[in-house]
Every structure is written in structure tokens, then in C-alpha cells.
C-alpha atoms as a PDB file:
ATOM      1  CA  MET A   1     -16.654  50.487  21.148  1.00  0.00           C
ATOM      2  CA  LYS A   2     -19.106  50.029  18.275  1.00  0.00           C
ATOM      3  CA  LEU A   3     -16.221  50.360  15.794  1.00  0.00           C
ATOM      4  CA  ARG A   4     -14.218  47.708  17.671  1.00  0.00           C
ATOM      5  CA  LEU A   5     -17.215  45.355  17.719  1.00  0.00           C
ATOM      6  CA  ALA A   6     -17.778  45.890  14.014  1.00  0.00           C
ATOM      7  CA  ILE A   7     -14.120  45.131  13.255  1.00  0.00           C
ATOM      8  CA  LEU A   8     -14.265  42.014  15.474  1.00  0.00           C
ATOM      9  CA  ALA A   9     -17.443  40.805  13.747  1.00  0.00           C
ATOM     10  CA  LEU A  10     -15.855  41.325  10.321  1.00  0.00           C
ATOM     11  CA  THR A  11     -12.694  39.455  11.398  1.00  0.00           C
ATOM     12  CA  VAL A  12     -14.694  36.463  12.670  1.00  0.00           C
ATOM     13  CA  SER A  13     -16.803  36.453   9.506  1.00  0.00           C
ATOM     14  CA  LEU A  14     -13.708  36.405   7.285  1.00  0.00           C
ATOM     15  CA  ALA A  15     -12.108  33.631   9.360  1.00  0.00           C
ATOM     16  CA  LEU A  16     -15.181  31.440   9.142  1.00  0.00           C
ATOM     17  CA  SER A  17     -15.399  32.084   5.425  1.00  0.00           C
ATOM     18  CA  CYS A  18     -11.792  30.952   4.983  1.00  0.00           C
ATOM     19  CA  GLN A  19     -12.425  27.827   7.057  1.00  0.00           C
ATOM     20  CA  VAL A  20     -15.421  26.847   4.953  1.00  0.00           C
ATOM     21  CA  LYS A  21     -13.526  27.496   1.714  1.00  0.00           C
ATOM     22  CA  THR A  22     -10.564  25.427   2.932  1.00  0.00           C
ATOM     23  CA  SER A  23     -12.810  22.534   3.963  1.00  0.00           C
ATOM     24  CA  GLU A  24     -14.582  22.583   0.624  1.00  0.00           C
ATOM     25  CA  THR A  25     -11.253  22.627  -1.212  1.00  0.00           C
ATOM     26  CA  VAL A  26      -9.663  19.675   0.566  1.00  0.00           C
ATOM     27  CA  ALA A  27     -12.848  17.601   0.578  1.00  0.00           C
ATOM     28  CA  GLY A  28     -13.605  18.042  -3.095  1.00  0.00           C
ATOM     29  CA  GLY A  29     -13.226  14.912  -5.201  1.00  0.00           C
ATOM     30  CA  SER A  30     -13.133  16.643  -8.564  1.00  0.00           C
ATOM     31  CA  GLY A  31     -10.008  16.544 -10.670  1.00  0.00           C
ATOM     32  CA  SER A  32      -8.331  14.503 -13.343  1.00  0.00           C
ATOM     33  CA  ILE A  33      -7.499  10.854 -12.782  1.00  0.00           C
ATOM     34  CA  PRO A  34      -3.724  10.252 -12.685  1.00  0.00           C
ATOM     35  CA  TYR A  35      -3.770   7.068 -14.761  1.00  0.00           C
ATOM     36  CA  SER A  36       0.029   6.985 -15.028  1.00  0.00           C
ATOM     37  CA  LYS A  37       0.273   6.553 -11.253  1.00  0.00           C
ATOM     38  CA  ILE A  38      -2.118   3.613 -10.939  1.00  0.00           C
ATOM     39  CA  GLY A  39      -0.873   0.231  -9.752  1.00  0.00           C
ATOM     40  CA  LEU A  40      -2.605  -2.960  -8.642  1.00  0.00           C
ATOM     41  CA  ASN A  41      -2.258  -5.260  -5.662  1.00  0.00           C
ATOM     42  CA  VAL A  42      -2.010  -8.847  -6.865  1.00  0.00           C
ATOM     43  CA  PHE A  43      -2.352 -12.317  -5.340  1.00  0.00           C
ATOM     44  CA  PRO A  44      -0.183 -14.569  -7.508  1.00  0.00           C
ATOM     45  CA  GLY A  45      -1.338 -17.743  -5.758  1.00  0.00           C
ATOM     46  CA  ASN A  46      -4.864 -17.316  -7.132  1.00  0.00           C
ATOM     47  CA  ARG A  47      -5.109 -19.044 -10.508  1.00  0.00           C
ATOM     48  CA  THR A  48      -8.874 -18.866 -11.061  1.00  0.00           C
ATOM     49  CA  ALA A  49      -8.318 -16.186 -13.712  1.00  0.00           C
ATOM     50  CA  GLY A  50      -5.732 -18.291 -15.519  1.00  0.00           C
ATOM     51  CA  PRO A  51      -1.972 -18.907 -15.408  1.00  0.00           C
ATOM     52  CA  LEU A  52       0.070 -16.228 -13.697  1.00  0.00           C
ATOM     53  CA  VAL A  53       1.776 -15.125 -16.909  1.00  0.00           C
ATOM     54  CA  ASP A  54      -1.642 -14.511 -18.489  1.00  0.00           C
ATOM     55  CA  GLN A  55      -2.808 -12.507 -15.467  1.00  0.00           C
ATOM     56  CA  MET A  56       0.260 -10.276 -15.658  1.00  0.00           C
ATOM     57  CA  ARG A  57      -0.321  -9.709 -19.380  1.00  0.00           C
ATOM     58  CA  ASP A  58      -3.948  -8.866 -18.654  1.00  0.00           C
ATOM     59  CA  ILE A  59      -2.857  -6.269 -16.099  1.00  0.00           C
ATOM     60  CA  SER A  60      -0.476  -4.763 -18.631  1.00  0.00           C
ATOM     61  CA  SER A  61      -3.234  -4.706 -21.261  1.00  0.00           C
ATOM     62  CA  ILE A  62      -5.342  -2.312 -19.182  1.00  0.00           C
ATOM     63  CA  GLY A  63      -2.524   0.225 -18.965  1.00  0.00           C
ATOM     64  CA  VAL A  64      -1.249  -0.609 -15.468  1.00  0.00           C
ATOM     65  CA  ARG A  65       2.519  -0.698 -15.042  1.00  0.00           C
ATOM     66  CA  TYR A  66       2.993  -1.330 -11.322  1.00  0.00           C
ATOM     67  CA  ILE A  67       2.066  -4.256  -9.089  1.00  0.00           C
ATOM     68  CA  ARG A  68       2.374  -4.817  -5.346  1.00  0.00           C
ATOM     69  CA  VAL A  69       2.829  -8.374  -4.149  1.00  0.00           C
ATOM     70  CA  ASN A  70       3.762 -10.178  -0.947  1.00  0.00           C
ATOM     71  CA  PHE A  71       6.947 -12.244  -0.850  1.00  0.00           C
ATOM     72  CA  TRP A  72       5.541 -14.472   1.885  1.00  0.00           C
ATOM     73  CA  PHE A  73       8.172 -15.443   4.456  1.00  0.00           C
ATOM     74  CA  ASP A  74       5.831 -17.477   6.644  1.00  0.00           C
ATOM     75  CA  THR A  75       3.934 -19.709   4.215  1.00  0.00           C
ATOM     76  CA  ILE A  76       6.161 -19.916   1.131  1.00  0.00           C
ATOM     77  CA  TYR A  77       9.806 -19.003   1.676  1.00  0.00           C
ATOM     78  CA  MET A  78      10.765 -20.833   4.878  1.00  0.00           C
ATOM     79  CA  ASN A  79       7.954 -22.356   6.913  1.00  0.00           C
ATOM     80  CA  ALA A  80      10.253 -24.261   9.303  1.00  0.00           C
ATOM     81  CA  PRO A  81      13.469 -23.122  11.036  1.00  0.00           C
ATOM     82  CA  HIS A  82      15.756 -25.606   9.287  1.00  0.00           C
ATOM     83  CA  SER A  83      14.028 -25.764   5.897  1.00  0.00           C
ATOM     84  CA  SER A  84      15.787 -24.562   2.769  1.00  0.00           C
ATOM     85  CA  PRO A  85      14.648 -21.264   1.283  1.00  0.00           C
ATOM     86  CA  ASN A  86      12.063 -21.793  -1.440  1.00  0.00           C
ATOM     87  CA  PHE A  87      12.244 -19.245  -4.267  1.00  0.00           C
ATOM     88  CA  THR A  88      10.052 -21.141  -6.747  1.00  0.00           C
ATOM     89  CA  ARG A  89       6.871 -19.070  -6.347  1.00  0.00           C
ATOM     90  CA  PHE A  90       8.832 -15.824  -6.147  1.00  0.00           C
ATOM     91  CA  ASP A  91      10.759 -16.648  -9.325  1.00  0.00           C
ATOM     92  CA  GLU A  92       7.561 -17.463 -11.199  1.00  0.00           C
ATOM     93  CA  MET A  93       5.946 -14.198 -10.152  1.00  0.00           C
ATOM     94  CA  VAL A  94       8.954 -11.983 -10.977  1.00  0.00           C
ATOM     95  CA  ASP A  95       9.430 -13.768 -14.326  1.00  0.00           C
ATOM     96  CA  ALA A  96       5.764 -13.227 -15.222  1.00  0.00           C
ATOM     97  CA  ALA A  97       5.927  -9.560 -14.218  1.00  0.00           C
ATOM     98  CA  ASP A  98       9.104  -9.040 -16.248  1.00  0.00           C
ATOM     99  CA  ALA A  99       7.548 -10.674 -19.307  1.00  0.00           C
ATOM    100  CA  ALA A 100       4.573  -8.293 -19.065  1.00  0.00           C
ATOM    101  CA  GLY A 101       6.724  -5.206 -18.486  1.00  0.00           C
ATOM    102  CA  LEU A 102       5.441  -4.640 -14.933  1.00  0.00           C
ATOM    103  CA  GLU A 103       7.409  -3.048 -12.094  1.00  0.00           C
ATOM    104  CA  VAL A 104       7.181  -4.946  -8.808  1.00  0.00           C
ATOM    105  CA  LEU A 105       6.818  -3.549  -5.300  1.00  0.00           C
ATOM    106  CA  GLY A 106       7.691  -6.447  -3.022  1.00  0.00           C
ATOM    107  CA  ILE A 107       6.257  -6.723   0.505  1.00  0.00           C
ATOM    108  CA  LEU A 108       8.615  -8.337   3.017  1.00  0.00           C
ATOM    109  CA  GLY A 109       6.884 -10.310   5.768  1.00  0.00           C
ATOM    110  CA  PRO A 110       5.217 -11.493   7.846  1.00  0.00           C
ATOM    111  CA  ALA A 111       7.444 -13.581  10.083  1.00  0.00           C
ATOM    112  CA  PRO A 112       6.671 -17.315  10.422  1.00  0.00           C
ATOM    113  CA  ALA A 113       5.261 -18.734  13.640  1.00  0.00           C
ATOM    114  CA  TRP A 114       8.539 -20.503  14.414  1.00  0.00           C
ATOM    115  CA  LEU A 115      10.216 -17.104  14.898  1.00  0.00           C
ATOM    116  CA  THR A 116       7.773 -16.070  17.635  1.00  0.00           C
ATOM    117  CA  GLY A 117       9.551 -16.222  20.977  1.00  0.00           C
ATOM    118  CA  SER A 118      12.983 -16.072  19.395  1.00  0.00           C
ATOM    119  CA  GLY A 119      15.232 -13.602  21.193  1.00  0.00           C
ATOM    120  CA  ASP A 120      16.722 -12.151  18.016  1.00  0.00           C
ATOM    121  CA  TRP A 121      13.856 -12.663  15.610  1.00  0.00           C
ATOM    122  CA  MET A 122      14.545  -9.369  13.827  1.00  0.00           C
ATOM    123  CA  GLY A 123      18.113 -10.438  13.139  1.00  0.00           C
ATOM    124  CA  VAL A 124      16.902 -13.751  11.713  1.00  0.00           C
ATOM    125  CA  PHE A 125      14.261 -11.903   9.667  1.00  0.00           C
ATOM    126  CA  ALA A 126      16.933  -9.657   8.168  1.00  0.00           C
ATOM    127  CA  GLN A 127      19.718 -12.204   7.655  1.00  0.00           C
ATOM    128  CA  LYS A 128      17.845 -15.339   6.592  1.00  0.00           C
ATOM    129  CA  TYR A 129      15.018 -13.683   4.664  1.00  0.00           C
ATOM    130  CA  VAL A 130      15.521 -10.039   3.663  1.00  0.00           C
ATOM    131  CA  THR A 131      19.148 -10.357   2.554  1.00  0.00           C
ATOM    132  CA  PRO A 132      18.787 -13.449   0.330  1.00  0.00           C
ATOM    133  CA  VAL A 133      15.477 -12.320  -1.195  1.00  0.00           C
ATOM    134  CA  VAL A 134      16.650  -8.799  -2.040  1.00  0.00           C
ATOM    135  CA  SER A 135      19.978 -10.145  -3.319  1.00  0.00           C
ATOM    136  CA  ARG A 136      18.271 -12.667  -5.610  1.00  0.00           C
ATOM    137  CA  TYR A 137      16.078 -10.033  -7.286  1.00  0.00           C
ATOM    138  CA  LYS A 138      18.613  -7.213  -7.419  1.00  0.00           C
ATOM    139  CA  GLY A 139      18.096  -5.325 -10.663  1.00  0.00           C
ATOM    140  CA  ARG A 140      14.608  -6.799 -11.107  1.00  0.00           C
ATOM    141  CA  VAL A 141      12.756  -5.625  -7.982  1.00  0.00           C
ATOM    142  CA  SER A 142      13.822  -2.125  -7.009  1.00  0.00           C
ATOM    143  CA  HIS A 143      11.299  -1.284  -4.243  1.00  0.00           C
ATOM    144  CA  TRP A 144      10.719  -3.203  -1.015  1.00  0.00           C
ATOM    145  CA  GLU A 145       7.968  -2.511   1.524  1.00  0.00           C
ATOM    146  CA  VAL A 146       8.777  -3.641   5.062  1.00  0.00           C
ATOM    147  CA  TRP A 147       5.709  -5.463   6.451  1.00  0.00           C
ATOM    148  CA  ASN A 148       2.065  -4.875   5.629  1.00  0.00           C
ATOM    149  CA  GLU A 149       0.131  -2.749   8.148  1.00  0.00           C
ATOM    150  CA  PRO A 150       2.619  -3.024  11.037  1.00  0.00           C
ATOM    151  CA  ASP A 151       0.260  -1.248  13.438  1.00  0.00           C
ATOM    152  CA  GLY A 152      -1.701  -4.497  13.636  1.00  0.00           C
ATOM    153  CA  SER A 153      -0.565  -7.035  16.200  1.00  0.00           C
ATOM    154  CA  THR A 154       0.898  -9.793  14.012  1.00  0.00           C
ATOM    155  CA  PRO A 155       3.278 -11.808  16.203  1.00  0.00           C
ATOM    156  CA  PRO A 156       6.090 -11.426  16.822  1.00  0.00           C
ATOM    157  CA  LEU A 157       5.463  -7.763  15.907  1.00  0.00           C
ATOM    158  CA  ASP A 158       3.423  -6.163  18.693  1.00  0.00           C
ATOM    159  CA  GLY A 159       1.801  -3.328  16.726  1.00  0.00           C
ATOM    160  CA  THR A 160       3.684  -0.461  18.376  1.00  0.00           C
ATOM    161  CA  PRO A 161       5.620   2.111  16.343  1.00  0.00           C
ATOM    162  CA  GLU A 162       8.615   1.504  18.604  1.00  0.00           C
ATOM    163  CA  MET A 163       8.947  -2.181  17.740  1.00  0.00           C
ATOM    164  CA  TYR A 164       8.190  -1.568  14.079  1.00  0.00           C
ATOM    165  CA  PHE A 165      10.926   1.069  13.924  1.00  0.00           C
ATOM    166  CA  GLN A 166      13.407  -1.513  15.199  1.00  0.00           C
ATOM    167  CA  LEU A 167      12.310  -3.957  12.510  1.00  0.00           C
ATOM    168  CA  LEU A 168      12.357  -1.265   9.822  1.00  0.00           C
ATOM    169  CA  THR A 169      15.915  -0.332  10.803  1.00  0.00           C
ATOM    170  CA  ALA A 170      17.107  -3.947  10.611  1.00  0.00           C
ATOM    171  CA  ALA A 171      15.368  -4.502   7.271  1.00  0.00           C
ATOM    172  CA  HIS A 172      16.567  -1.171   5.859  1.00  0.00           C
ATOM    173  CA  ASN A 173      20.186  -2.018   6.650  1.00  0.00           C
ATOM    174  CA  ALA A 174      19.838  -5.472   5.093  1.00  0.00           C
ATOM    175  CA  ILE A 175      18.156  -4.114   1.937  1.00  0.00           C
ATOM    176  CA  LYS A 176      20.745  -1.400   1.372  1.00  0.00           C
ATOM    177  CA  ALA A 177      23.621  -3.848   1.948  1.00  0.00           C
ATOM    178  CA  ALA A 178      22.179  -6.343  -0.547  1.00  0.00           C
ATOM    179  CA  ASP A 179      21.148  -3.748  -3.142  1.00  0.00           C
ATOM    180  CA  PRO A 180      22.342  -0.176  -2.506  1.00  0.00           C
ATOM    181  CA  GLY A 181      20.117   1.126  -5.307  1.00  0.00           C
ATOM    182  CA  ALA A 182      16.909  -0.362  -3.893  1.00  0.00           C
ATOM    183  CA  LYS A 183      14.286   1.882  -2.299  1.00  0.00           C
ATOM    184  CA  VAL A 184      12.728   1.120   1.090  1.00  0.00           C
ATOM    185  CA  VAL A 185       8.987   1.752   1.372  1.00  0.00           C
ATOM    186  CA  ALA A 186       7.744   2.216   4.934  1.00  0.00           C
ATOM    187  CA  GLY A 187       4.864   0.051   6.094  1.00  0.00           C
ATOM    188  CA  ALA A 188       1.478   1.775   6.086  1.00  0.00           C
ATOM    189  CA  THR A 189      -1.040   1.607   8.901  1.00  0.00           C
ATOM    190  CA  VAL A 190      -4.543   0.262   8.515  1.00  0.00           C
ATOM    191  CA  ASN A 191      -6.739   2.967   6.893  1.00  0.00           C
ATOM    192  CA  ILE A 192      -4.979   6.210   7.823  1.00  0.00           C
ATOM    193  CA  VAL A 193      -8.202   8.122   8.554  1.00  0.00           C
ATOM    194  CA  SER A 194      -9.685   5.481  10.883  1.00  0.00           C
ATOM    195  CA  GLU A 195      -9.962   5.414  14.679  1.00  0.00           C
ATOM    196  CA  GLY A 196     -10.316   9.152  15.209  1.00  0.00           C
ATOM    197  CA  GLY A 197      -6.781  10.120  14.342  1.00  0.00           C
ATOM    198  CA  ALA A 198      -5.065   7.209  16.111  1.00  0.00           C
ATOM    199  CA  LYS A 199      -3.423   6.032  12.894  1.00  0.00           C
ATOM    200  CA  VAL A 200      -2.059   9.487  12.113  1.00  0.00           C
ATOM    201  CA  ALA A 201      -0.690   9.614  15.666  1.00  0.00           C
ATOM    202  CA  TRP A 202       0.973   6.212  15.098  1.00  0.00           C
ATOM    203  CA  MET A 203       2.666   7.543  11.971  1.00  0.00           C
ATOM    204  CA  ASN A 204       3.750  10.735  13.695  1.00  0.00           C
ATOM    205  CA  ARG A 205       5.388   8.685  16.432  1.00  0.00           C
ATOM    206  CA  LEU A 206       7.259   6.739  13.749  1.00  0.00           C
ATOM    207  CA  VAL A 207       8.466  10.048  12.333  1.00  0.00           C
ATOM    208  CA  ASP A 208       9.631  11.088  15.822  1.00  0.00           C
ATOM    209  CA  LEU A 209      11.658   7.877  16.099  1.00  0.00           C
ATOM    210  CA  GLY A 210      13.550   8.634  12.877  1.00  0.00           C
ATOM    211  CA  LEU A 211      11.496   7.278   9.977  1.00  0.00           C
ATOM    212  CA  LYS A 212      13.172   9.583   7.477  1.00  0.00           C
ATOM    213  CA  GLN A 213      16.532   7.895   8.068  1.00  0.00           C
ATOM    214  CA  GLN A 214      15.177   4.358   7.566  1.00  0.00           C
ATOM    215  CA  ALA A 215      12.808   4.723   4.589  1.00  0.00           C
ATOM    216  CA  ASP A 216      12.946   6.305   1.158  1.00  0.00           C
ATOM    217  CA  ILE A 217       9.172   6.440   0.625  1.00  0.00           C
ATOM    218  CA  LEU A 218       6.287   7.281   2.946  1.00  0.00           C
ATOM    219  CA  ASN A 219       3.275   5.012   2.619  1.00  0.00           C
ATOM    220  CA  PHE A 220      -0.468   5.229   3.342  1.00  0.00           C
ATOM    221  CA  HIS A 221      -3.522   2.991   3.068  1.00  0.00           C
ATOM    222  CA  TYR A 222      -6.815   4.780   2.461  1.00  0.00           C
ATOM    223  CA  TYR A 223     -10.276   3.197   2.528  1.00  0.00           C
ATOM    224  CA  SER A 224     -12.800   5.995   2.876  1.00  0.00           C
ATOM    225  CA  GLY A 225     -14.934   8.581   1.157  1.00  0.00           C
ATOM    226  CA  LEU A 226     -13.715  12.159   0.842  1.00  0.00           C
ATOM    227  CA  ASP A 227     -12.350  12.382   4.384  1.00  0.00           C
ATOM    228  CA  VAL A 228     -10.791  15.760   5.176  1.00  0.00           C
ATOM    229  CA  THR A 229      -8.322  14.055   7.548  1.00  0.00           C
ATOM    230  CA  LEU A 230      -6.315  12.850   4.564  1.00  0.00           C
ATOM    231  CA  ALA A 231      -5.624  16.378   3.325  1.00  0.00           C
ATOM    232  CA  THR A 232      -5.043  17.862   6.772  1.00  0.00           C
ATOM    233  CA  ALA A 233      -3.643  15.585   9.502  1.00  0.00           C
ATOM    234  CA  ALA A 234      -2.169  12.971   7.138  1.00  0.00           C
ATOM    235  CA  ARG A 235      -0.702  15.736   5.028  1.00  0.00           C
ATOM    236  CA  THR A 236       1.253  16.996   8.039  1.00  0.00           C
ATOM    237  CA  VAL A 237       3.054  13.640   8.217  1.00  0.00           C
ATOM    238  CA  VAL A 238       4.128  14.131   4.611  1.00  0.00           C
ATOM    239  CA  GLU A 239       5.357  17.634   5.327  1.00  0.00           C
ATOM    240  CA  ARG A 240       7.284  16.500   8.412  1.00  0.00           C
ATOM    241  CA  THR A 241       9.266  13.887   6.514  1.00  0.00           C
ATOM    242  CA  GLY A 242       9.649  15.497   3.113  1.00  0.00           C
ATOM    243  CA  LEU A 243       9.669  11.980   1.648  1.00  0.00           C
ATOM    244  CA  PRO A 244       7.983  10.935  -1.598  1.00  0.00           C
ATOM    245  CA  VAL A 245       4.559   9.360  -0.988  1.00  0.00           C
ATOM    246  CA  TRP A 246       2.971   6.148  -2.220  1.00  0.00           C
ATOM    247  CA  VAL A 247      -0.567   5.018  -1.425  1.00  0.00           C
ATOM    248  CA  THR A 248      -0.247   1.246  -1.638  1.00  0.00           C
ATOM    249  CA  GLU A 249      -3.867   0.358  -0.889  1.00  0.00           C
ATOM    250  CA  THR A 250      -7.225   1.930  -1.665  1.00  0.00           C
ATOM    251  CA  GLY A 251     -10.437   0.350  -2.881  1.00  0.00           C
ATOM    252  CA  ILE A 252     -13.932  -0.817  -2.049  1.00  0.00           C
ATOM    253  CA  ILE A 253     -15.878  -4.077  -1.891  1.00  0.00           C
ATOM    254  CA  GLY A 254     -18.357  -4.738  -4.700  1.00  0.00           C
ATOM    255  CA  GLN A 255     -17.576  -4.502  -8.386  1.00  0.00           C
ATOM    256  CA  ASP A 256     -20.661  -2.339  -8.960  1.00  0.00           C
ATOM    257  CA  ARG A 257     -19.299   0.276  -6.499  1.00  0.00           C
ATOM    258  CA  GLN A 258     -15.697   0.429  -7.668  1.00  0.00           C
ATOM    259  CA  LEU A 259     -15.997   2.810 -10.607  1.00  0.00           C
ATOM    260  CA  ASP A 260     -17.750   5.524  -8.585  1.00  0.00           C
ATOM    261  CA  TYR A 261     -15.239   5.177  -5.731  1.00  0.00           C
ATOM    262  CA  PHE A 262     -12.317   5.344  -8.153  1.00  0.00           C
ATOM    263  CA  ASN A 263     -13.615   8.399 -10.007  1.00  0.00           C
ATOM    264  CA  LYS A 264     -14.280  10.341  -6.799  1.00  0.00           C
ATOM    265  CA  ASN A 265     -11.504   9.214  -4.478  1.00  0.00           C
ATOM    266  CA  VAL A 266      -8.451   8.733  -6.664  1.00  0.00           C
ATOM    267  CA  PRO A 267      -8.400  12.408  -7.781  1.00  0.00           C
ATOM    268  CA  TYR A 268      -8.889  13.404  -4.132  1.00  0.00           C
ATOM    269  CA  ILE A 269      -5.997  11.198  -2.969  1.00  0.00           C
ATOM    270  CA  ASP A 270      -3.851  12.675  -5.721  1.00  0.00           C
ATOM    271  CA  LYS A 271      -4.754  16.223  -4.753  1.00  0.00           C
ATOM    272  CA  ALA A 272      -4.391  15.670  -1.005  1.00  0.00           C
ATOM    273  CA  LEU A 273      -1.037  13.852  -0.950  1.00  0.00           C
ATOM    274  CA  ASN A 274       0.443  14.170  -4.460  1.00  0.00           C
ATOM    275  CA  PRO A 275       1.660  10.554  -4.342  1.00  0.00           C
ATOM    276  CA  GLU A 276       3.963   9.050  -6.957  1.00  0.00           C
ATOM    277  CA  ARG A 277       1.950   5.797  -6.986  1.00  0.00           C
ATOM    278  CA  ILE A 278      -1.633   4.803  -6.085  1.00  0.00           C
ATOM    279  CA  PHE A 279      -2.203   1.048  -5.878  1.00  0.00           C
ATOM    280  CA  TRP A 280      -5.776  -0.172  -6.211  1.00  0.00           C
ATOM    281  CA  TYR A 281      -6.734  -3.104  -4.000  1.00  0.00           C
ATOM    282  CA  CYS A 282      -6.861  -5.321  -6.025  1.00  0.00           C
ATOM    283  CA  TYR A 283      -6.682  -7.197  -9.381  1.00  0.00           C
ATOM    284  CA  ILE A 284      -8.146 -10.504  -8.171  1.00  0.00           C
ATOM    285  CA  GLN A 285      -8.715 -11.099  -4.457  1.00  0.00           C
ATOM    286  CA  GLY A 286      -7.640 -14.152  -2.490  1.00  0.00           C
ATOM    287  CA  GLU A 287      -4.406 -16.104  -2.232  1.00  0.00           C
ATOM    288  CA  GLY A 288      -6.049 -19.516  -2.549  1.00  0.00           C
ATOM    289  CA  GLU A 289      -5.314 -21.224  -5.864  1.00  0.00           C
ATOM    290  CA  HIS A 290      -8.992 -21.972  -6.527  1.00  0.00           C
ATOM    291  CA  GLU A 291     -10.537 -19.196  -4.391  1.00  0.00           C
ATOM    292  CA  GLU A 292     -13.669 -17.753  -5.967  1.00  0.00           C
ATOM    293  CA  ILE A 293     -15.550 -14.667  -4.719  1.00  0.00           C
ATOM    294  CA  HIS A 294     -18.939 -13.287  -5.795  1.00  0.00           C
ATOM    295  CA  PRO A 295     -18.705  -9.956  -7.684  1.00  0.00           C
ATOM    296  CA  ALA A 296     -20.671  -8.189  -4.921  1.00  0.00           C
ATOM    297  CA  ASP A 297     -18.248  -9.382  -2.240  1.00  0.00           C
ATOM    298  CA  THR A 298     -14.853  -8.739  -3.780  1.00  0.00           C
ATOM    299  CA  TYR A 299     -12.321  -5.923  -3.879  1.00  0.00           C
ATOM    300  CA  GLY A 300     -11.052  -7.328  -7.169  1.00  0.00           C
ATOM    301  CA  ILE A 301     -11.637  -5.641 -10.495  1.00  0.00           C
ATOM    302  CA  VAL A 302     -11.581  -9.207 -11.800  1.00  0.00           C
ATOM    303  CA  THR A 303     -13.163 -12.167 -10.040  1.00  0.00           C
ATOM    304  CA  VAL A 304     -14.271 -15.694 -10.846  1.00  0.00           C
ATOM    305  CA  TYR A 305     -17.444 -17.157  -9.365  1.00  0.00           C
ATOM    306  CA  ASP A 306     -19.032 -20.494 -10.253  1.00  0.00           C
ATOM    307  CA  GLY A 307     -16.422 -20.814 -12.965  1.00  0.00           C
ATOM    308  CA  GLN A 308     -17.411 -17.550 -14.674  1.00  0.00           C
ATOM    309  CA  ARG A 309     -15.111 -14.532 -14.988  1.00  0.00           C
ATOM    310  CA  TYR A 310     -16.492 -11.106 -14.015  1.00  0.00           C
ATOM    311  CA  GLU A 311     -14.850  -7.779 -14.835  1.00  0.00           C
ATOM    312  CA  SER A 312     -15.933  -4.638 -13.009  1.00  0.00           C
ATOM    313  CA  PRO A 313     -16.784  -1.390 -14.819  1.00  0.00           C
ATOM    314  CA  LEU A 314     -13.503  -0.059 -13.392  1.00  0.00           C
ATOM    315  CA  TYR A 315     -11.628  -2.751 -15.311  1.00  0.00           C
ATOM    316  CA  GLY A 316     -13.430  -1.544 -18.427  1.00  0.00           C
ATOM    317  CA  LEU A 317     -12.505   2.080 -17.729  1.00  0.00           C
ATOM    318  CA  LEU A 318      -8.823   1.264 -17.323  1.00  0.00           C
ATOM    319  CA  LYS A 319      -8.820  -0.854 -20.465  1.00  0.00           C
ATOM    320  CA  SER A 320     -10.583   1.784 -22.573  1.00  0.00           C
ATOM    321  CA  HIS A 321      -8.271   4.484 -21.322  1.00  0.00           C
END
């Protein structure tokens, strides 16, 4: 009996030791920064930092090669049911990105208010928006993300994985028909480690519905410290799909906090998920043409306040690297 108890005690001790070691491993933020994977979210409507072409060149000058930008259906492309599609802002943005040598990840959505209540709004979304936009930029924009944070209730989308899967399927089919070589990036939930695992559960349900057949790239948003959930529960979603991973949003408010967050969290994200891309949120925040934000209140590595340009220490790190 004493021998059995001794063996049991040793077994428990070894198990606990392994658990502690595993937790320390996945929660550690040490590691090299994968600069070649870094992209930036951009708001091309904001011109406080100068003309769009100059902003794109500035992004390129700090060593970033990827940008993520919304191709707004609701406010820019077609804001009324019988209006003609407006490609002017999209053309300007893609031209500026091309001139600076930047690769574009285009976000498709959201739907305009006039589509709410329409019986076949997903069909209209795909035929009148996705198809012409993807067709126009074939060969110039190779990756398309279907909706930003679809777990949020943004009418006519109701926030459920079931409805989003229907939309993703319609958009996927339209994208592949318009440009067979284009890659479909699944929409990411709000911060994947938030709400006690609810966001991971949302993603797992999407996998159950058939995500792997309707997307080429799995996508996460991560706004947190070194949360073990990313390397455990979120990692299981990656393993279930076998898809490549992109993290299309991570960041923190306050330019004086960004460098520390970047140095600790980006290596952790890279280690936990091994993503192909990590997009910082953001270059300059705010879609308003003249929108200014105080350096302490912005996600942007660049901001303009009271007419003065501010660059965060993170901007300096990227530029020096």
C-alpha cells in the first residue's frame, strides 16, 4: 500500500510539473519579432497625415509590405439601391498601394442599410458588390476577407455563425468565379480570447458548418496580454482546419504603450499560432478625412492632433529595422 501511494504521489507530482511547464511555455512572450510578417490596417479616407499616395509610401518606408483596408459597400460603393457603383475611392487606394509596392487585403462589407429586410440580401451582396469589385481588381488584389468581425450583430447579419456561414459561402463562390486565383480570408471574431471562450466556441461552430470548404485562410483578432487561451483553445481551431492562419488585428490604445505591447505580444502570437501575416491595428486611426486623435487615445502608430504629426516609438522601431 505504501509503495502504491508513493507511486501515485510521484505520478501526480510529475503531472503537475508538466502542467506548469506547459503553461509557462505557451504564456511566454519571449522570442524574435517576425518583421517580415507584419502588416498594417489602414483608413484611406483619413488625410490628416497627407495625401494617400504619401501615406502608402510612408508605410513602405518603415518596411511594411502588407495593408488591410475596407472596400466599403455601405458608405462608398453603392449607398442607394439604384445608384451606380462608385469605384473612385477604391481605385485611388489600390493605385497608391501599387505605387508603393504594398499588397492589399481587401475587406468586403458591410451591407448598406437599404439591403436590410431584403429577402435575398446575400445574393445582392454577392452579385452587385462582390463580383464587380473582385473582377475589377483581379491581378491587383489577391486576398479578400469576407466581413469584419461577423460575430457582431451588424444588420442584416445577425451575429450567428450559421448566418455568417451562408454569407461566406455566397461570397466565396462569387470571389472564385470572378478570380479563381484569389484567396478567401474568413472573417475573424472580436478578440478571440474574450468572453470566457465564447469566441473560440463561435469559431468552432463555424468549423463544424464547413469553414474549410469556404475559406483559404483562417483569421483571428487578438487584443490582450499573454493570454494562454490563444495557444491552447484557439490553437485547436487551427489544428481542426489545417488552414494557413492570419491575424488581421492586434494592437493597443496609446502610442506610449504600443512598443511594449508589440515586443511582448507579437512574438507570442507568432509562437502560438504560427501565422503567415500579423496586421497591426493601425497606421492612422479614423476614416474621417480630417479626423484627429490625441496620441494617448489612438491605436495608430501615426496620428495628427492640433495639426501636429506624432509618431509612436513603434513607428520608430519599424523604421529603424
